[in-house]
Amino acid sequence: MRRRDSRGRGSGRNSFGILVAAVMLTAGAALTGCTTVDGSVPSCSDPLRLAVVAQSVPGASYLPCIRGLPPGWTTSGFNSTQDGTGFLLNSDRSPGRPVTVRFTATGDIRGASPSPSRVPGVLTYTRLDSISPRFAGTLYDVFPGGCVSYQFDFGSGSQIELMEQFQQAVGLYPRQQLRLALKQELGVELNP
């Protein structure tokens, strides 16, 4: 990421430090308010925190984010490194068995079957590991430069509603849209 001066040239300073400071301030402000989303897990309306996710998988055309959580759902365990990003989705209807969300450059979809696409331009696959007595497996969203996997393990009987809820909670934000938002709002360029 590079900040541009008033003449449109790169300032020579690495604006990543500025971005990290802005994210920390924003996260601190969010943590002081009432919210069901853990302050560190990015929402789809927060370009600063999404930029951190974008840097973890630089070539990905989409980024996972929280659109909104249904009642009874929370997030935890946000971790973003140079190898990807991960976090947990927790439901009060499946205590102790969170959905593990992982965002990486590639995904191993061997043994998975095609499923209806969640977003145009994204291929979705499902691999079931167990259907009785538990409904467990992994859902994958695959797109140019990245993959988001969702490992789930729900009790039989509640799995359909819980699957729908976590899929609605996690959105895929277009990287190109983030580039535009960062440039317009902060004058910062997201590279690549």
Protein backbone atom coordinates (compact mmCIF):
# COMPACT_ATOMS: atom_id res chain seq x y z
CA MET A 1 0.00 0.00 0.00
CA ARG A 2 1.33 3.44 -0.89
CA ARG A 3 0.09 6.86 0.04
CA ARG A 4 0.05 9.46 -2.73
CA ASP A 5 1.07 13.09 -2.23
CA SER A 6 -0.98 15.99 -3.58
CA ARG A 7 0.74 15.67 -6.98
CA GLY A 8 -0.23 11.99 -7.30
CA ARG A 9 3.29 10.63 -6.65
CA GLY A 10 4.16 7.98 -4.11
CA SER A 11 5.34 9.63 -0.90
CA GLY A 12 8.21 7.19 -0.41
CA ARG A 13 6.87 6.32 3.02
CA ASN A 14 5.39 2.95 3.64
CA SER A 15 1.79 3.66 4.50
CA PHE A 16 1.33 0.18 5.95
CA GLY A 17 2.34 1.60 9.36
CA ILE A 18 -0.29 4.32 8.97
CA LEU A 19 -2.85 1.69 8.02
CA VAL A 20 -2.00 -0.50 11.02
CA ALA A 21 -2.29 2.52 13.36
CA ALA A 22 -5.66 3.44 11.83
CA VAL A 23 -6.88 -0.15 12.20
CA MET A 24 -5.81 -0.23 15.85
CA LEU A 25 -7.64 3.04 16.58
CA THR A 26 -10.74 1.85 14.75
CA ALA A 27 -10.68 -1.52 16.51
CA GLY A 28 -10.26 0.19 19.88
CA ALA A 29 -13.25 2.42 19.18
CA ALA A 30 -15.35 -0.54 18.09
CA LEU A 31 -14.51 -2.50 21.23
CA THR A 32 -15.86 0.25 23.48
CA GLY A 33 -19.33 0.07 21.88
CA CYS A 34 -21.99 -2.61 22.05
CA THR A 35 -21.64 -5.07 19.20
CA THR A 36 -22.03 -8.79 18.58
CA VAL A 37 -19.04 -8.85 16.21
CA ASP A 38 -15.64 -9.25 17.86
CA GLY A 39 -13.81 -5.94 17.31
CA SER A 40 -11.00 -7.58 15.36
CA VAL A 41 -13.07 -9.59 12.86
CA PRO A 42 -13.66 -7.38 9.80
CA SER A 43 -17.15 -6.39 8.81
CA CYS A 44 -17.92 -5.90 5.13
CA SER A 45 -18.41 -2.17 5.78
CA ASP A 46 -14.96 -1.54 7.30
CA PRO A 47 -12.31 -0.99 4.60
CA LEU A 48 -9.51 -0.46 7.15
CA ARG A 49 -9.84 -3.91 8.70
CA LEU A 50 -10.52 -5.47 5.30
CA ALA A 51 -7.16 -4.07 4.12
CA VAL A 52 -5.43 -6.20 6.77
CA VAL A 53 -7.20 -9.29 5.41
CA ALA A 54 -6.30 -8.26 1.84
CA GLN A 55 -2.59 -8.10 2.72
CA SER A 56 -2.70 -11.68 4.06
CA VAL A 57 -3.51 -13.09 0.57
CA PRO A 58 -2.32 -10.41 -1.89
CA GLY A 59 -3.56 -12.05 -5.11
CA ALA A 60 -7.12 -12.89 -4.00
CA SER A 61 -9.99 -11.31 -5.91
CA TYR A 62 -12.37 -11.58 -2.91
CA LEU A 63 -11.98 -11.17 0.86
CA PRO A 64 -14.09 -12.81 3.58
CA CYS A 65 -15.89 -10.46 5.95
CA ILE A 66 -18.88 -10.40 8.28
CA ARG A 67 -22.07 -9.09 6.65
CA GLY A 68 -24.06 -9.44 9.84
CA LEU A 69 -24.55 -12.08 12.51
CA PRO A 70 -27.88 -13.79 13.14
CA PRO A 71 -29.11 -13.87 16.75
CA GLY A 72 -27.09 -16.36 18.80
CA TRP A 73 -23.91 -16.06 16.69
CA THR A 74 -20.60 -14.45 17.69
CA THR A 75 -17.09 -14.30 16.26
CA SER A 76 -13.73 -14.95 17.90
CA GLY A 77 -10.15 -15.95 17.24
CA PHE A 78 -9.31 -13.49 14.45
CA ASN A 79 -5.76 -14.12 13.19
CA SER A 80 -4.22 -12.56 10.09
CA THR A 81 -0.67 -13.41 8.93
CA GLN A 82 1.26 -13.37 5.67
CA ASP A 83 -0.08 -16.91 5.04
CA GLY A 84 -3.78 -16.06 5.33
CA THR A 85 -6.53 -15.12 7.74
CA GLY A 86 -8.72 -17.18 10.05
CA PHE A 87 -11.50 -16.70 12.57
CA LEU A 88 -14.29 -18.62 14.29
CA LEU A 89 -18.07 -18.34 14.06
CA ASN A 90 -19.78 -19.53 17.24
CA SER A 91 -23.47 -20.45 17.55
CA ASP A 92 -25.32 -20.87 20.82
CA ARG A 93 -27.15 -23.76 19.12
CA SER A 94 -23.88 -25.65 18.55
CA PRO A 95 -21.83 -24.88 21.68
CA GLY A 96 -18.18 -25.91 21.60
CA ARG A 97 -18.27 -26.57 17.85
CA PRO A 98 -17.49 -23.33 16.03
CA VAL A 99 -17.33 -22.91 12.27
CA THR A 100 -13.64 -22.41 11.43
CA VAL A 101 -13.19 -19.90 8.60
CA ARG A 102 -9.82 -19.91 6.78
CA PHE A 103 -8.77 -17.61 3.94
CA THR A 104 -5.73 -18.79 1.97
CA ALA A 105 -4.21 -18.50 -1.49
CA THR A 106 -5.21 -22.07 -2.40
CA GLY A 107 -7.58 -24.73 -1.13
CA ASP A 108 -7.64 -28.51 -1.31
CA ILE A 109 -11.08 -29.36 -2.70
CA ARG A 110 -10.30 -33.05 -3.39
CA GLY A 111 -13.32 -35.13 -2.48
CA ALA A 112 -15.65 -32.11 -2.51
CA SER A 113 -18.72 -31.84 -4.75
CA PRO A 114 -19.82 -28.73 -6.62
CA SER A 115 -22.53 -26.74 -4.83
CA PRO A 116 -24.60 -23.74 -5.88
CA SER A 117 -22.36 -20.68 -6.09
CA ARG A 118 -22.77 -18.19 -3.26
CA VAL A 119 -21.44 -15.26 -5.33
CA PRO A 120 -21.20 -14.77 -9.11
CA GLY A 121 -17.69 -15.65 -10.28
CA VAL A 122 -17.00 -17.85 -7.24
CA LEU A 123 -17.04 -21.66 -7.35
CA THR A 124 -18.51 -23.32 -4.26
CA TYR A 125 -17.84 -26.91 -3.18
CA THR A 126 -18.91 -29.05 -0.21
CA ARG A 127 -17.18 -32.07 1.31
CA LEU A 128 -19.16 -34.00 3.92
CA ASP A 129 -17.20 -35.99 6.48
CA SER A 130 -20.18 -37.22 8.49
CA ILE A 131 -23.95 -37.00 8.27
CA SER A 132 -24.93 -39.06 11.30
CA PRO A 133 -25.05 -38.55 14.24
CA ARG A 134 -23.35 -35.22 13.40
CA PHE A 135 -23.42 -33.19 10.19
CA ALA A 136 -19.76 -32.30 9.60
CA GLY A 137 -17.61 -31.25 6.68
CA THR A 138 -16.14 -28.29 4.82
CA LEU A 139 -17.63 -25.72 2.46
CA TYR A 140 -15.23 -23.99 0.03
CA ASP A 141 -15.52 -20.74 -1.91
CA VAL A 142 -12.85 -20.74 -4.64
CA PHE A 143 -11.97 -17.72 -6.79
CA PRO A 144 -8.95 -16.31 -8.64
CA GLY A 145 -6.03 -16.05 -6.18
CA GLY A 146 -7.83 -17.37 -3.13
CA CYS A 147 -10.02 -19.82 -1.27
CA VAL A 148 -12.19 -19.50 1.83
CA SER A 149 -12.91 -22.75 3.68
CA TYR A 150 -15.57 -23.17 6.36
CA GLN A 151 -15.19 -26.27 8.57
CA PHE A 152 -18.46 -27.07 10.32
CA ASP A 153 -19.74 -29.71 12.74
CA PHE A 154 -23.41 -29.47 13.70
CA GLY A 155 -25.83 -31.81 15.41
CA SER A 156 -28.29 -33.55 13.10
CA GLY A 157 -31.65 -31.82 12.99
CA SER A 158 -30.37 -28.24 13.22
CA GLN A 159 -27.81 -28.37 10.43
CA ILE A 160 -29.88 -26.86 7.60
CA GLU A 161 -30.69 -23.67 9.49
CA LEU A 162 -27.16 -23.35 10.92
CA MET A 163 -25.61 -23.84 7.47
CA GLU A 164 -27.83 -21.12 6.01
CA GLN A 165 -27.06 -18.77 8.90
CA PHE A 166 -23.27 -18.97 8.70
CA GLN A 167 -23.33 -18.68 4.91
CA GLN A 168 -25.43 -15.52 5.19
CA ALA A 169 -23.15 -14.14 7.93
CA VAL A 170 -19.93 -14.36 5.90
CA GLY A 171 -19.72 -12.23 2.77
CA LEU A 172 -17.11 -12.11 0.04
CA TYR A 173 -15.99 -8.53 -0.59
CA PRO A 174 -14.46 -7.78 -4.02
CA ARG A 175 -10.80 -6.70 -3.78
CA GLN A 176 -11.32 -4.17 -6.58
CA GLN A 177 -14.10 -2.50 -4.56
CA LEU A 178 -11.78 -2.31 -1.53
CA ARG A 179 -9.10 -0.64 -3.69
CA LEU A 180 -11.56 2.06 -4.69
CA ALA A 181 -12.84 2.59 -1.14
CA LEU A 182 -9.33 2.95 0.31
CA LYS A 183 -8.28 5.38 -2.41
CA GLN A 184 -11.42 7.52 -2.08
CA GLU A 185 -11.63 7.52 1.72
CA LEU A 186 -7.96 7.59 2.73
CA GLY A 187 -5.92 8.32 -0.40
CA VAL A 188 -4.18 4.97 0.09
CA GLU A 189 -3.47 2.45 -2.67
CA LEU A 190 -3.81 -1.27 -2.02
CA ASN A 191 -1.00 -3.18 -3.70
CA PRO A 192 -1.36 -5.55 -5.45
